[in-house]
Protein backbone atom coordinates (compact mmCIF):
# COMPACT_ATOMS: atom_id res chain seq x y z
CA MET A 1 -21.62 74.92 -2.99
CA SER A 2 -23.94 72.39 -1.32
CA GLU A 3 -23.34 71.09 2.20
CA HIS A 4 -22.39 67.68 0.81
CA GLN A 5 -19.96 69.19 -1.65
CA SER A 6 -18.39 71.36 1.03
CA ILE A 7 -17.71 68.43 3.31
CA VAL A 8 -16.28 66.31 0.49
CA GLN A 9 -14.19 69.24 -0.70
CA ILE A 10 -12.89 69.97 2.79
CA THR A 11 -12.03 66.27 3.24
CA LEU A 12 -10.31 65.78 -0.09
CA ASN A 13 -8.39 69.07 0.00
CA THR A 14 -6.92 68.42 3.43
CA GLU A 15 -3.20 67.82 3.22
CA PRO A 16 -2.43 64.08 3.33
CA LYS A 17 -0.50 62.76 6.25
CA ARG A 18 3.04 61.44 5.91
CA PRO A 19 3.47 57.90 4.66
CA PHE A 20 3.16 55.35 7.41
CA HIS A 21 4.33 51.79 8.00
CA HIS A 22 1.93 49.04 9.11
CA THR A 23 2.95 47.83 12.54
CA SER A 24 1.43 45.33 14.90
CA ILE A 25 -0.33 47.75 17.29
CA PRO A 26 -3.79 47.34 18.81
CA PRO A 27 -6.77 49.09 17.11
CA LYS A 28 -7.38 52.66 18.31
CA TYR A 29 -10.12 55.27 18.12
CA PRO A 30 -9.94 56.99 14.72
CA LEU A 31 -9.56 60.56 15.98
CA LEU A 32 -7.98 60.28 19.41
CA ASN A 33 -5.50 57.53 18.54
CA GLU A 34 -6.35 55.69 21.78
CA PRO A 35 -6.73 51.91 22.19
CA LEU A 36 -10.14 50.51 21.24
CA PRO A 37 -11.76 48.25 23.90
CA GLU A 38 -11.80 44.60 22.82
CA GLN A 39 -15.48 43.97 23.59
CA SER A 40 -16.81 47.37 22.53
CA THR A 41 -20.51 47.31 21.62
CA GLN A 42 -20.74 51.01 20.69
CA THR A 43 -21.74 52.13 17.24
CA THR A 44 -19.32 54.02 15.03
CA ALA A 45 -21.31 57.25 15.45
CA SER A 46 -21.23 57.09 19.27
CA ILE A 47 -17.50 56.29 19.22
CA MET A 48 -16.81 59.28 16.99
CA GLU A 49 -19.01 61.52 19.16
CA GLU A 50 -17.03 60.55 22.28
CA GLN A 51 -13.78 61.24 20.45
CA VAL A 52 -14.93 64.67 19.31
CA LEU A 53 -16.07 65.74 22.77
CA SER A 54 -12.85 64.48 24.31
CA TYR A 55 -10.81 66.23 21.66
CA MET A 56 -12.70 69.50 22.15
CA ASN A 57 -12.37 69.41 25.91
CA ASN A 58 -8.62 69.03 25.61
CA SER A 59 -8.12 71.55 22.81
CA PRO A 60 -7.76 75.32 23.58
CA SER A 61 -8.46 76.29 19.97
CA GLN A 62 -12.03 77.53 19.48
CA ASP A 63 -11.58 77.64 15.70
CA LYS A 64 -10.61 73.95 15.64
CA GLN A 65 -13.60 73.06 17.79
CA HIS A 66 -15.91 74.92 15.48
CA HIS A 67 -14.37 73.31 12.40
CA ILE A 68 -14.77 69.77 13.75
CA MET A 69 -18.32 70.33 14.99
CA GLU A 70 -19.30 71.65 11.59
CA ALA A 71 -17.85 68.58 9.87
CA ILE A 72 -19.56 66.16 12.28
CA GLN A 73 -22.93 67.83 11.80
CA HIS A 74 -22.71 67.21 8.07
CA LEU A 75 -21.67 63.50 8.33
CA PRO A 76 -25.23 62.04 8.12
CA SER A 77 -26.01 63.95 4.95
CA LEU A 78 -22.55 63.06 3.59
CA ALA A 79 -23.28 59.34 4.07
CA LYS A 80 -26.58 59.65 2.22
CA GLU A 81 -25.06 61.59 -0.62
CA PHE A 82 -22.12 59.13 -0.79
CA GLU A 83 -24.59 56.35 -1.63
CA LYS A 84 -25.74 58.33 -4.65
CA LEU A 85 -22.24 58.61 -6.12
CA SER A 86 -21.17 56.41 -9.01
CA PRO A 87 -19.03 53.39 -8.07
CA GLN A 88 -16.01 55.04 -9.64
CA LEU A 89 -16.47 58.25 -7.62
CA GLN A 90 -17.13 56.24 -4.45
CA THR A 91 -13.83 54.45 -4.99
CA THR A 92 -11.97 57.72 -5.58
CA THR A 93 -13.50 59.34 -2.51
CA LEU A 94 -12.67 56.41 -0.23
CA PHE A 95 -9.15 56.23 -1.63
CA ARG A 96 -8.54 59.91 -0.84
CA LEU A 97 -9.98 59.48 2.65
CA LEU A 98 -7.85 56.44 3.35
CA GLN A 99 -4.79 58.24 2.05
CA ARG A 100 -5.29 60.86 4.74
CA SER A 101 -5.93 58.34 7.58
CA ASN A 102 -3.37 57.26 10.13
CA ALA A 103 -2.44 53.63 10.86
CA SER A 104 -4.87 53.15 13.74
CA THR A 105 -7.77 54.44 11.67
CA LEU A 106 -6.88 52.08 8.82
CA LYS A 107 -6.71 49.13 11.23
CA TYR A 108 -10.11 50.04 12.59
CA ALA A 109 -11.57 50.23 9.08
CA ASN A 110 -9.96 46.92 8.15
CA ALA A 111 -11.48 45.19 11.20
CA ILE A 112 -14.93 46.23 10.01
CA ILE A 113 -14.46 45.59 6.29
CA THR A 114 -12.65 42.24 6.30
CA PRO A 115 -15.50 40.11 7.79
CA ILE A 116 -17.91 41.65 5.27
CA LEU A 117 -15.72 40.64 2.32
CA LYS A 118 -15.07 37.08 3.56
CA ARG A 119 -17.22 34.60 1.67
CA ASP A 120 -17.25 30.79 1.69
CA PHE A 121 -17.96 30.06 -1.95
CA ILE A 122 -18.34 26.33 -1.29
CA ALA A 123 -21.00 26.93 1.37
CA CYS A 124 -22.98 29.02 -1.11
CA LEU A 125 -23.29 26.16 -3.61
CA PRO A 126 -26.01 23.48 -3.69
CA HIS A 127 -24.88 20.24 -2.04
CA GLU A 128 -24.61 18.38 -5.35
CA LEU A 129 -22.29 21.05 -6.79
CA LYS A 130 -20.15 20.99 -3.65
CA LEU A 131 -19.57 17.27 -4.18
CA GLN A 132 -18.77 17.90 -7.84
CA VAL A 133 -16.07 20.40 -6.88
CA ILE A 134 -14.30 18.21 -4.33
CA GLY A 135 -14.68 15.21 -6.65
CA HIS A 136 -11.99 16.72 -8.90
CA LEU A 137 -9.39 17.22 -6.15
CA ASP A 138 -6.36 15.01 -5.53
CA ILE A 139 -5.51 13.69 -2.09
CA LYS A 140 -3.05 16.46 -1.15
CA THR A 141 -5.50 19.21 -2.11
CA LEU A 142 -8.30 17.46 -0.24
CA CYS A 143 -6.22 17.29 2.93
CA THR A 144 -5.39 20.99 2.64
CA ALA A 145 -9.02 21.94 1.96
CA SER A 146 -10.28 19.93 4.93
CA ARG A 147 -8.28 22.24 7.23
CA VAL A 148 -9.99 25.41 5.95
CA SER A 149 -13.10 25.10 8.12
CA LYS A 150 -15.25 22.62 9.99
CA LYS A 151 -17.85 22.76 7.21
CA TRP A 152 -15.29 21.85 4.55
CA LYS A 153 -13.88 19.06 6.71
CA SER A 154 -17.32 17.58 7.33
CA LEU A 155 -18.17 17.76 3.62
CA ILE A 156 -14.91 16.11 2.51
CA ASP A 157 -14.83 13.43 5.22
CA GLY A 158 -18.37 12.34 4.45
CA ASP A 159 -18.15 12.14 0.66
CA LYS A 160 -18.06 8.37 0.05
CA ASN A 161 -17.81 8.73 -3.73
CA THR A 162 -14.61 10.78 -3.52
CA TRP A 163 -12.88 8.34 -1.16
CA PHE A 164 -14.06 5.36 -3.19
CA ARG A 165 -12.61 7.04 -6.31
CA LEU A 166 -9.26 7.56 -4.58
CA LEU A 167 -9.18 3.98 -3.26
CA LYS A 168 -9.74 2.69 -6.77
CA LYS A 169 -7.29 5.12 -8.38
CA ASP A 170 -4.45 4.17 -6.01
CA GLY A 171 -5.09 0.43 -6.28
CA PHE A 172 -6.15 0.01 -2.64
CA ASP A 173 -8.64 -2.50 -1.21
CA LEU A 174 -12.12 -1.13 -1.84
CA SER A 175 -13.93 -2.83 1.03
CA SER A 176 -13.45 -1.53 4.55
CA PRO A 177 -12.29 -4.16 7.09
CA THR A 178 -15.04 -3.16 9.55
CA PRO A 179 -18.50 -1.68 8.87
CA LYS A 180 -17.88 1.17 11.33
CA MET A 181 -14.69 2.35 9.61
CA SER A 182 -15.28 5.27 7.24
CA LEU A 183 -13.92 5.16 3.70
CA LYS A 184 -11.68 8.10 4.54
CA GLU A 185 -10.13 6.26 7.49
CA HIS A 186 -9.82 3.13 5.33
CA TYR A 187 -7.99 5.16 2.68
CA LYS A 188 -5.79 6.86 5.28
CA ARG A 189 -4.59 3.53 6.70
CA GLN A 190 -3.68 2.16 3.29
CA TYR A 191 -2.03 5.40 2.20
CA THR A 192 0.07 5.41 5.38
CA LEU A 193 0.96 1.76 4.86
CA LYS A 194 2.09 2.40 1.29
CA SER A 195 4.14 5.39 2.45
CA ASN A 196 5.81 3.28 5.17
CA TRP A 197 6.84 0.67 2.59
CA LYS A 198 8.22 3.38 0.32
CA LYS A 199 10.22 5.13 3.04
CA GLY A 200 11.37 2.01 4.91
CA ARG A 201 9.47 2.69 8.13
CA PHE A 202 8.71 -0.50 10.04
CA LYS A 203 8.87 -2.20 13.41
CA ARG A 204 11.27 -5.15 13.60
CA ILE A 205 10.28 -8.17 15.73
CA GLU A 206 12.71 -11.08 16.10
CA PHE A 207 11.76 -14.61 17.10
CA GLU A 208 13.47 -17.99 17.22
CA GLY A 209 12.78 -21.28 15.50
CA HIS A 210 14.26 -24.47 13.98
CA THR A 211 17.65 -23.84 15.71
CA GLU A 212 20.40 -24.58 13.17
CA PHE A 213 18.20 -26.20 10.49
CA ILE A 214 17.26 -24.87 7.05
CA VAL A 215 13.83 -23.28 6.64
CA THR A 216 12.38 -24.75 3.44
CA CYS A 217 8.86 -23.28 3.38
CA LEU A 218 6.88 -20.49 5.04
CA GLN A 219 3.33 -19.18 4.79
CA PHE A 220 1.43 -16.70 6.94
CA ASP A 221 -1.75 -14.67 7.32
CA GLU A 222 -3.26 -12.24 9.85
CA GLU A 223 -3.49 -14.92 12.52
CA LYS A 224 -0.66 -17.41 12.10
CA ILE A 225 2.81 -18.04 10.69
CA VAL A 226 3.53 -21.62 9.57
CA THR A 227 7.09 -22.76 8.84
CA GLY A 228 8.66 -26.04 7.75
CA ALA A 229 12.33 -27.02 8.02
CA THR A 230 14.82 -29.83 7.67
CA ASP A 231 14.39 -30.65 11.38
CA SER A 232 11.13 -32.48 10.40
CA MET A 233 9.07 -29.97 12.42
CA ILE A 234 6.26 -27.62 11.44
CA ASN A 235 6.16 -24.55 13.66
CA ILE A 236 3.07 -22.37 14.19
CA TYR A 237 3.47 -18.83 15.55
CA ASN A 238 0.94 -16.14 16.46
CA THR A 239 1.25 -13.36 13.86
CA ASN A 240 0.28 -10.73 16.43
CA ASP A 241 2.83 -12.03 18.94
CA PRO A 242 5.43 -14.08 17.04
CA ALA A 243 7.92 -13.90 19.89
CA GLY A 244 5.34 -15.47 22.21
CA PRO A 245 4.60 -19.17 22.72
CA MET A 246 5.11 -21.35 19.63
CA GLU A 247 3.43 -24.66 18.82
CA GLN A 248 4.78 -27.57 16.77
CA LEU A 249 3.21 -30.19 14.54
CA GLN A 250 5.16 -33.42 14.95
CA GLY A 251 4.79 -36.51 12.84
CA HIS A 252 7.19 -36.39 9.91
CA VAL A 253 10.39 -38.38 10.44
CA GLY A 254 12.41 -36.41 7.90
CA GLY A 255 12.84 -32.86 6.78
CA VAL A 256 9.73 -30.99 5.62
CA TRP A 257 10.38 -29.72 2.08
CA ALA A 258 6.97 -28.39 1.10
CA LEU A 259 3.80 -27.15 2.76
CA GLN A 260 0.68 -25.12 2.01
CA TYR A 261 -2.49 -24.38 3.90
CA VAL A 262 -5.96 -23.23 2.85
CA GLY A 263 -8.28 -22.19 5.66
CA ASN A 264 -7.89 -24.71 8.49
CA THR A 265 -6.34 -27.40 6.28
CA LEU A 266 -2.56 -27.78 6.07
CA VAL A 267 -0.76 -30.18 3.72
CA SER A 268 2.95 -31.05 4.08
CA GLY A 269 5.46 -33.18 2.17
CA SER A 270 8.66 -34.63 3.53
CA ILE A 271 11.87 -36.56 2.97
CA ASP A 272 10.03 -39.42 4.71
CA ARG A 273 8.10 -39.85 1.40
CA THR A 274 4.69 -39.13 2.99
CA VAL A 275 2.10 -36.41 2.50
CA ARG A 276 0.34 -35.37 5.69
CA VAL A 277 -2.92 -33.45 6.11
CA TRP A 278 -3.45 -31.46 9.31
CA ASN A 279 -6.25 -29.73 11.19
CA ILE A 280 -4.44 -26.50 12.13
CA LYS A 281 -6.74 -25.39 14.95
CA LYS A 282 -6.64 -28.76 16.66
CA ARG A 283 -2.91 -29.16 15.92
CA LYS A 284 -3.75 -32.67 14.73
CA CYS A 285 -2.73 -34.84 11.77
CA THR A 286 -5.89 -36.24 10.18
CA HIS A 287 -4.52 -38.08 7.09
CA ILE A 288 -1.25 -39.66 6.01
CA PHE A 289 -0.93 -40.38 2.29
CA LYS A 290 1.71 -42.83 1.18
CA GLY A 291 2.77 -43.88 -2.29
CA HIS A 292 5.84 -41.85 -3.20
CA THR A 293 9.06 -43.81 -2.99
CA SER A 294 11.36 -40.83 -2.49
CA THR A 295 11.35 -37.27 -1.10
CA VAL A 296 8.22 -35.22 -1.70
CA ARG A 297 9.90 -32.13 -3.11
CA CYS A 298 6.98 -29.88 -4.09
CA LEU A 299 3.22 -29.69 -3.59
CA GLN A 300 0.22 -27.46 -4.29
CA ILE A 301 -3.37 -27.34 -3.11
CA VAL A 302 -5.37 -26.67 -6.29
CA GLU A 303 -8.62 -24.84 -5.49
CA PRO A 304 -11.53 -24.71 -7.97
CA VAL A 305 -11.71 -21.59 -10.17
CA MET A 306 -14.00 -20.55 -13.01
CA VAL A 307 -12.50 -21.42 -16.40
CA ASN A 308 -14.55 -20.84 -19.54
CA GLY A 309 -17.76 -20.80 -17.55
CA ARG A 310 -17.19 -23.94 -15.49
CA LEU A 311 -15.51 -24.80 -12.20
CA GLU A 312 -12.08 -26.42 -12.56
CA PRO A 313 -11.20 -28.72 -10.91
CA SER A 314 -14.58 -29.87 -9.67
CA GLN A 315 -13.23 -30.17 -6.11
CA PRO A 316 -10.01 -29.16 -4.29
CA LEU A 317 -6.99 -31.34 -5.07
CA ILE A 318 -3.53 -32.03 -3.62
CA VAL A 319 -0.79 -32.37 -6.24
CA THR A 320 2.68 -33.55 -5.19
CA GLY A 321 5.95 -33.92 -7.09
CA SER A 322 8.72 -36.24 -5.97
CA ARG A 323 12.28 -37.32 -6.54
CA ASP A 324 10.81 -40.69 -7.59
CA PHE A 325 10.07 -39.06 -11.00
CA SER A 326 6.29 -39.10 -10.42
CA ILE A 327 3.42 -36.75 -9.66
CA ARG A 328 0.51 -37.86 -7.51
CA VAL A 329 -2.96 -36.30 -7.28
CA TRP A 330 -5.37 -36.67 -4.34
CA ASN A 331 -8.73 -35.15 -3.48
CA LEU A 332 -8.35 -32.79 -0.52
CA PRO A 333 -9.88 -34.39 2.63
CA ASN A 334 -12.21 -32.62 5.03
CA VAL A 335 -10.18 -32.17 8.21
CA GLU A 336 -13.27 -31.22 10.23
CA GLU A 337 -14.53 -34.81 10.25
CA ASP A 338 -14.00 -36.36 13.67
CA SER A 339 -11.50 -39.19 13.91
CA ASN A 340 -9.44 -40.39 16.85
CA GLU A 341 -6.56 -41.64 14.72
CA PRO A 342 -5.23 -40.27 11.42
CA TYR A 343 -6.18 -42.11 8.27
CA VAL A 344 -3.17 -43.89 6.75
CA GLY A 345 -3.51 -44.47 3.02
CA GLU A 346 -1.25 -47.35 2.07
CA ALA A 347 -3.21 -49.61 -0.28
CA SER A 348 -6.70 -48.57 -1.35
CA ASN A 349 -7.00 -44.85 -0.72
CA PRO A 350 -10.41 -43.25 -1.37
CA TRP A 351 -8.78 -39.83 -1.80
CA PHE A 352 -6.20 -40.96 -4.36
CA LYS A 353 -6.97 -39.84 -7.90
CA PHE A 354 -4.03 -40.10 -10.34
CA LEU A 355 -0.43 -41.19 -10.67
CA LEU A 356 1.22 -39.10 -13.38
CA PHE A 357 4.21 -40.75 -15.04
CA GLY A 358 6.18 -39.11 -17.83
CA HIS A 359 9.30 -37.53 -16.39
CA THR A 360 12.51 -39.53 -16.28
CA HIS A 361 14.12 -37.71 -13.37
CA SER A 362 13.16 -35.82 -10.18
CA VAL A 363 10.13 -33.53 -10.36
CA ARG A 364 11.48 -30.27 -8.94
CA SER A 365 8.64 -27.77 -9.40
CA ILE A 366 4.90 -27.71 -10.16
CA ALA A 367 2.31 -24.99 -10.85
CA ALA A 368 -1.43 -25.44 -11.46
CA HIS A 369 -4.49 -23.40 -12.39
CA GLY A 370 -7.88 -25.00 -12.95
CA ASN A 371 -7.36 -28.38 -14.60
CA THR A 372 -3.99 -27.40 -16.07
CA LEU A 373 -0.82 -28.56 -14.32
CA VAL A 374 2.74 -27.66 -15.35
CA SER A 375 5.76 -29.56 -14.03
CA GLY A 376 9.52 -29.03 -14.34
CA SER A 377 12.02 -31.83 -13.95
CA TYR A 378 15.71 -32.62 -13.72
CA ASP A 379 15.22 -34.48 -17.02
CA ASN A 380 15.47 -30.98 -18.67
CA THR A 381 11.81 -31.00 -19.75
CA VAL A 382 8.59 -29.17 -18.92
CA ALA A 383 5.30 -31.07 -19.06
CA VAL A 384 1.67 -29.93 -19.25
CA TRP A 385 -1.00 -32.20 -17.74
CA ASP A 386 -4.80 -32.35 -17.61
CA LEU A 387 -5.90 -32.83 -13.98
CA GLU A 388 -9.35 -33.95 -15.05
CA THR A 389 -8.09 -36.95 -17.04
CA GLY A 390 -4.56 -37.38 -15.67
CA ARG A 391 -3.18 -37.25 -19.22
CA MET A 392 0.02 -35.53 -20.36
CA LEU A 393 -0.83 -32.89 -22.99
CA HIS A 394 2.66 -31.68 -23.92
CA ARG A 395 6.24 -32.60 -23.18
CA MET A 396 8.26 -29.48 -23.99
CA GLU A 397 11.97 -29.75 -24.73
CA GLY A 398 14.55 -27.01 -25.14
CA HIS A 399 16.47 -26.69 -21.91
CA THR A 400 19.88 -28.33 -21.86
CA SER A 401 20.02 -28.87 -18.10
CA ASN A 402 17.83 -29.40 -15.01
CA VAL A 403 14.61 -27.40 -14.77
CA TYR A 404 14.39 -25.85 -11.30
CA ALA A 405 11.34 -23.59 -11.45
CA VAL A 406 8.04 -23.26 -13.33
CA VAL A 407 5.18 -20.74 -13.14
CA ILE A 408 1.85 -20.74 -14.96
CA ASP A 409 0.24 -17.71 -16.64
CA PRO A 410 -3.46 -18.55 -17.19
CA ILE A 411 -4.23 -15.07 -18.52
CA ARG A 412 -1.90 -15.45 -21.51
CA GLN A 413 -2.19 -19.25 -21.69
CA GLN A 414 1.55 -19.53 -21.10
CA CYS A 415 4.01 -21.03 -18.65
CA MET A 416 7.63 -20.16 -17.89
CA SER A 417 10.55 -22.33 -16.82
CA GLY A 418 13.99 -21.59 -15.33
CA SER A 419 16.93 -23.95 -15.67
CA MET A 420 20.48 -24.68 -14.65
CA ASP A 421 21.39 -23.85 -18.27
CA SER A 422 20.95 -20.13 -17.26
CA THR A 423 17.91 -19.55 -19.50
CA VAL A 424 14.22 -18.85 -19.03
CA TYR A 425 11.77 -20.29 -21.55
CA VAL A 426 8.25 -19.05 -22.25
CA TRP A 427 5.89 -21.79 -23.53
CA ASP A 428 2.40 -21.85 -25.04
CA ILE A 429 0.46 -24.31 -22.87
CA VAL A 430 -2.19 -24.81 -25.56
CA THR A 431 0.18 -25.82 -28.38
CA GLY A 432 3.32 -26.71 -26.42
CA GLU A 433 5.43 -24.36 -28.57
CA CYS A 434 8.32 -22.25 -27.30
CA LEU A 435 7.40 -18.58 -27.58
CA HIS A 436 10.54 -16.93 -26.16
CA LYS A 437 13.96 -17.90 -24.91
CA LEU A 438 15.10 -15.34 -22.35
CA ASP A 439 18.87 -14.99 -22.15
CA GLY A 440 20.83 -12.83 -19.76
CA HIS A 441 21.67 -14.83 -16.68
CA SER A 442 25.07 -16.53 -16.64
CA ILE A 443 24.32 -19.51 -14.39
CA LEU A 444 21.50 -21.47 -12.69
CA VAL A 445 18.06 -19.77 -12.74
CA GLY A 446 16.58 -21.37 -9.65
CA LEU A 447 13.61 -19.10 -8.88
CA LEU A 448 10.75 -17.59 -10.88
CA GLY A 449 7.89 -15.32 -9.87
CA LEU A 450 4.95 -14.01 -11.90
CA THR A 451 2.36 -11.27 -11.47
CA PRO A 452 0.07 -9.94 -14.22
CA ASN A 453 2.58 -7.28 -15.28
CA HIS A 454 5.98 -8.70 -14.36
CA LEU A 455 7.97 -11.92 -14.66
CA VAL A 456 10.96 -12.01 -12.30
CA SER A 457 13.84 -14.49 -12.41
CA ALA A 458 16.56 -14.99 -9.81
CA ALA A 459 19.86 -16.77 -10.38
CA ALA A 460 23.06 -17.93 -8.78
CA ASP A 461 24.86 -15.12 -10.67
CA LYS A 462 23.83 -12.69 -7.85
CA THR A 463 21.23 -10.92 -10.02
CA LEU A 464 17.51 -10.74 -10.54
CA ARG A 465 15.90 -9.79 -13.85
CA VAL A 466 12.51 -8.22 -14.48
CA TRP A 467 10.88 -9.25 -17.78
CA ASN A 468 7.84 -8.13 -19.72
CA PRO A 469 5.66 -11.28 -19.87
CA ASN A 470 4.01 -10.11 -23.10
CA THR A 471 7.16 -9.50 -25.13
CA GLY A 472 9.92 -11.34 -23.28
CA VAL A 473 11.97 -8.12 -23.10
CA CYS A 474 14.22 -7.66 -20.06
CA GLU A 475 13.19 -4.37 -18.45
CA HIS A 476 15.57 -4.25 -15.47
CA VAL A 477 18.56 -6.06 -14.01
CA LEU A 478 18.58 -5.82 -10.21
CA ALA A 479 22.29 -5.62 -9.49
CA GLY A 480 25.14 -3.11 -9.37
CA LYS A 481 26.58 -1.06 -6.54
CA HIS A 482 23.81 -2.01 -4.12
CA GLY A 483 23.37 -5.55 -5.46
CA HIS A 484 23.66 -8.89 -3.71
CA GLU A 485 26.95 -10.46 -2.73
CA GLY A 486 26.02 -14.06 -3.54
CA ALA A 487 23.50 -16.35 -5.22
CA ILE A 488 19.88 -15.31 -4.78
CA THR A 489 18.31 -17.78 -2.35
CA CYS A 490 14.78 -16.39 -2.17
CA PHE A 491 12.59 -13.54 -3.37
CA LYS A 492 9.01 -12.40 -3.72
CA HIS A 493 7.48 -9.56 -5.70
CA ASP A 494 4.26 -7.72 -6.50
CA ASP A 495 3.56 -4.94 -9.00
CA GLU A 496 5.37 -2.35 -6.85
CA LYS A 497 8.46 -4.00 -5.41
CA VAL A 498 10.83 -6.96 -5.32
CA ILE A 499 12.22 -8.24 -2.02
CA SER A 500 15.18 -10.58 -2.42
CA GLY A 501 17.52 -12.45 -0.08
CA SER A 502 21.07 -13.68 -0.39
CA GLU A 503 24.28 -14.03 1.54
CA GLY A 504 24.61 -10.80 3.50
CA GLY A 505 20.99 -9.72 3.81
CA LEU A 506 17.62 -8.77 2.39
CA LYS A 507 17.07 -5.98 -0.16
CA MET A 508 14.09 -4.14 -1.59
CA TRP A 509 13.85 -2.89 -5.18
CA ASP A 510 11.44 -0.74 -7.16
CA ILE A 511 10.09 -3.15 -9.79
CA LYS A 512 9.07 -0.32 -12.14
CA THR A 513 12.46 1.39 -12.26
CA GLY A 514 14.84 -1.35 -11.14
CA ARG A 515 16.23 1.00 -8.49
CA HIS A 516 17.51 -0.31 -5.16
CA LEU A 517 15.36 1.26 -2.45
CA TYR A 518 16.93 0.12 0.82
CA ASP A 519 18.23 -2.87 2.78
CA LEU A 520 15.74 -4.57 5.09
CA VAL A 521 18.20 -6.93 6.79
CA THR A 522 21.99 -6.63 6.85
CA ASP A 523 25.03 -8.44 8.25
CA VAL A 524 23.64 -11.98 8.21
CA LYS A 525 25.22 -15.17 6.93
CA GLY A 526 22.28 -16.11 4.74
CA VAL A 527 18.56 -15.71 4.06
CA TRP A 528 16.56 -18.94 3.78
CA TRP A 529 13.12 -17.65 2.90
CA VAL A 530 11.11 -14.44 2.50
CA THR A 531 7.46 -13.68 1.95
CA PHE A 532 5.23 -10.66 2.53
CA ASP A 533 1.68 -9.39 2.38
CA LYS A 534 0.37 -5.83 2.27
CA ARG A 535 1.43 -5.09 5.83
CA ARG A 536 4.19 -7.46 6.93
CA CYS A 537 7.36 -9.03 5.62
CA ILE A 538 8.64 -12.22 7.27
CA VAL A 539 12.15 -13.49 6.66
CA ALA A 540 14.00 -16.60 7.82
CA ILE A 541 17.70 -15.90 8.32
CA ARG A 542 20.86 -17.74 9.21
CA ASN A 543 23.41 -16.06 11.42
CA HIS A 544 26.13 -17.47 13.67
CA ASP A 545 25.07 -20.98 12.54
CA GLU A 546 21.58 -20.47 13.98
CA THR A 547 18.23 -20.00 12.26
CA SER A 548 15.83 -17.29 13.38
CA PHE A 549 13.04 -15.12 12.02
CA GLN A 550 12.29 -11.43 11.71
CA MET A 551 8.90 -9.85 11.13
CA LEU A 552 8.99 -6.36 9.65
CA ASP A 553 5.67 -4.68 10.41
CA PHE A 554 4.96 -1.67 8.19
CA GLY A 555 1.43 -1.21 9.52
CA VAL A 556 2.29 0.21 12.93
CA PRO A 557 0.82 3.76 13.26
CA ASN A 558 2.97 6.87 13.71
CA LEU A 559 6.24 5.33 12.54
CA GLU A 560 9.01 7.84 11.95
């Protein structure tokens, strides 16, 4: 028997120790079962030599000393011969050795082996392949992977293509608000914002305005909130501090029923029968357009857009509808031109363009895109006009009562109208034909809203309905156990949600499922107006015979 074989045979034939349980004890020397120093720099051979000498000095048995010394002397040759064994025999030999080792020895072996077996497979790949791998991960997996190591985090954080893909996939804004913000941080902010909307996490800020009067119109952006009311005032608030100082635009001598601003230019219409143009920054009225003989009930600033390869209209327009049965069209003035006193257009007005006659009762609602204008009237009809020529193209009949709301769908070349007769009509604006009659509501349909994928109607029957604009099929009725208690007074929607107001409060619905998500405002007498953008929702409410506002900010970090 060779020396190598004798050592292996002695080792393998030794009786195995009793089964052991792994416990959380510090590593120890393999033979002496004593704690191993944490910062030991000794080699395995020197450690074993110390153990053997210590063991021999404390052992009275000469036979045992001789047996151990003989085994130690053969270890170098055993290691060399072990390398020559087949992988299968190496495995068997190690298995038998480990079977006969105590817990501390196994822990010691594990501390040496584990670092050798650890391997970062991502780090071993070429950079291009690394990016290919993480490019297939979803957001949850990416977040988990970024916590594995600093290298993985750096790789994932810096991969612009992956974050751009996720921004696009989730329908987020692709451009970062600031050049210094990384795409990952840009995605994180929007993801958090979307999550806050979904879970109802927001900061509520209350502010006063218009005392006991009705809020008839409201528009806002990142800098300002502009409101109009029946008190004849236009209020301007700071979006970032709405409860702070408020400024007013005074000039109308009757309630303000319509307003819209674009950039620094604000246009308002009033019961006083005038249309006023304002420089918002200077808080100054620059133009007063006269001509209507009754309340200006609706208005729109029509900005030029590309239609069939050309800009329509050729310059920005103001279109106003009135209770005097008419529609008037003006060119939008430049409010930046210096003038001490506002221009008052009574007779010859260089900005006046058209007077559109055709309706036989009040014009209640208008909607325009390019050179196409749609109007709805209390004469039960819907009209289509050409803003380039001022000519009526179609007068569409079908409703049996007042038309309260119209929207235009330039993508499908359609328009929709809602009426007191409880129906919604879908019209072809090219031919003037009725495409669909949408039944379901039981009383006045006073509000309509349209996005590319959803048409929403709101009625005095306490319900809202979500329709497919392609087929006219009703997909959801927003009502039931969590529905409104009275007529719907206002709403707004996008392709994710519907926010609607009525007597009692403000509710939010999932537009894709029709499910009630949660109440935003409760225990109020009424809701006058609501609008929202990607971060904020602003609502005008009536409670205790007073009008006030609430801003619900979903973009505040770390909301719980």
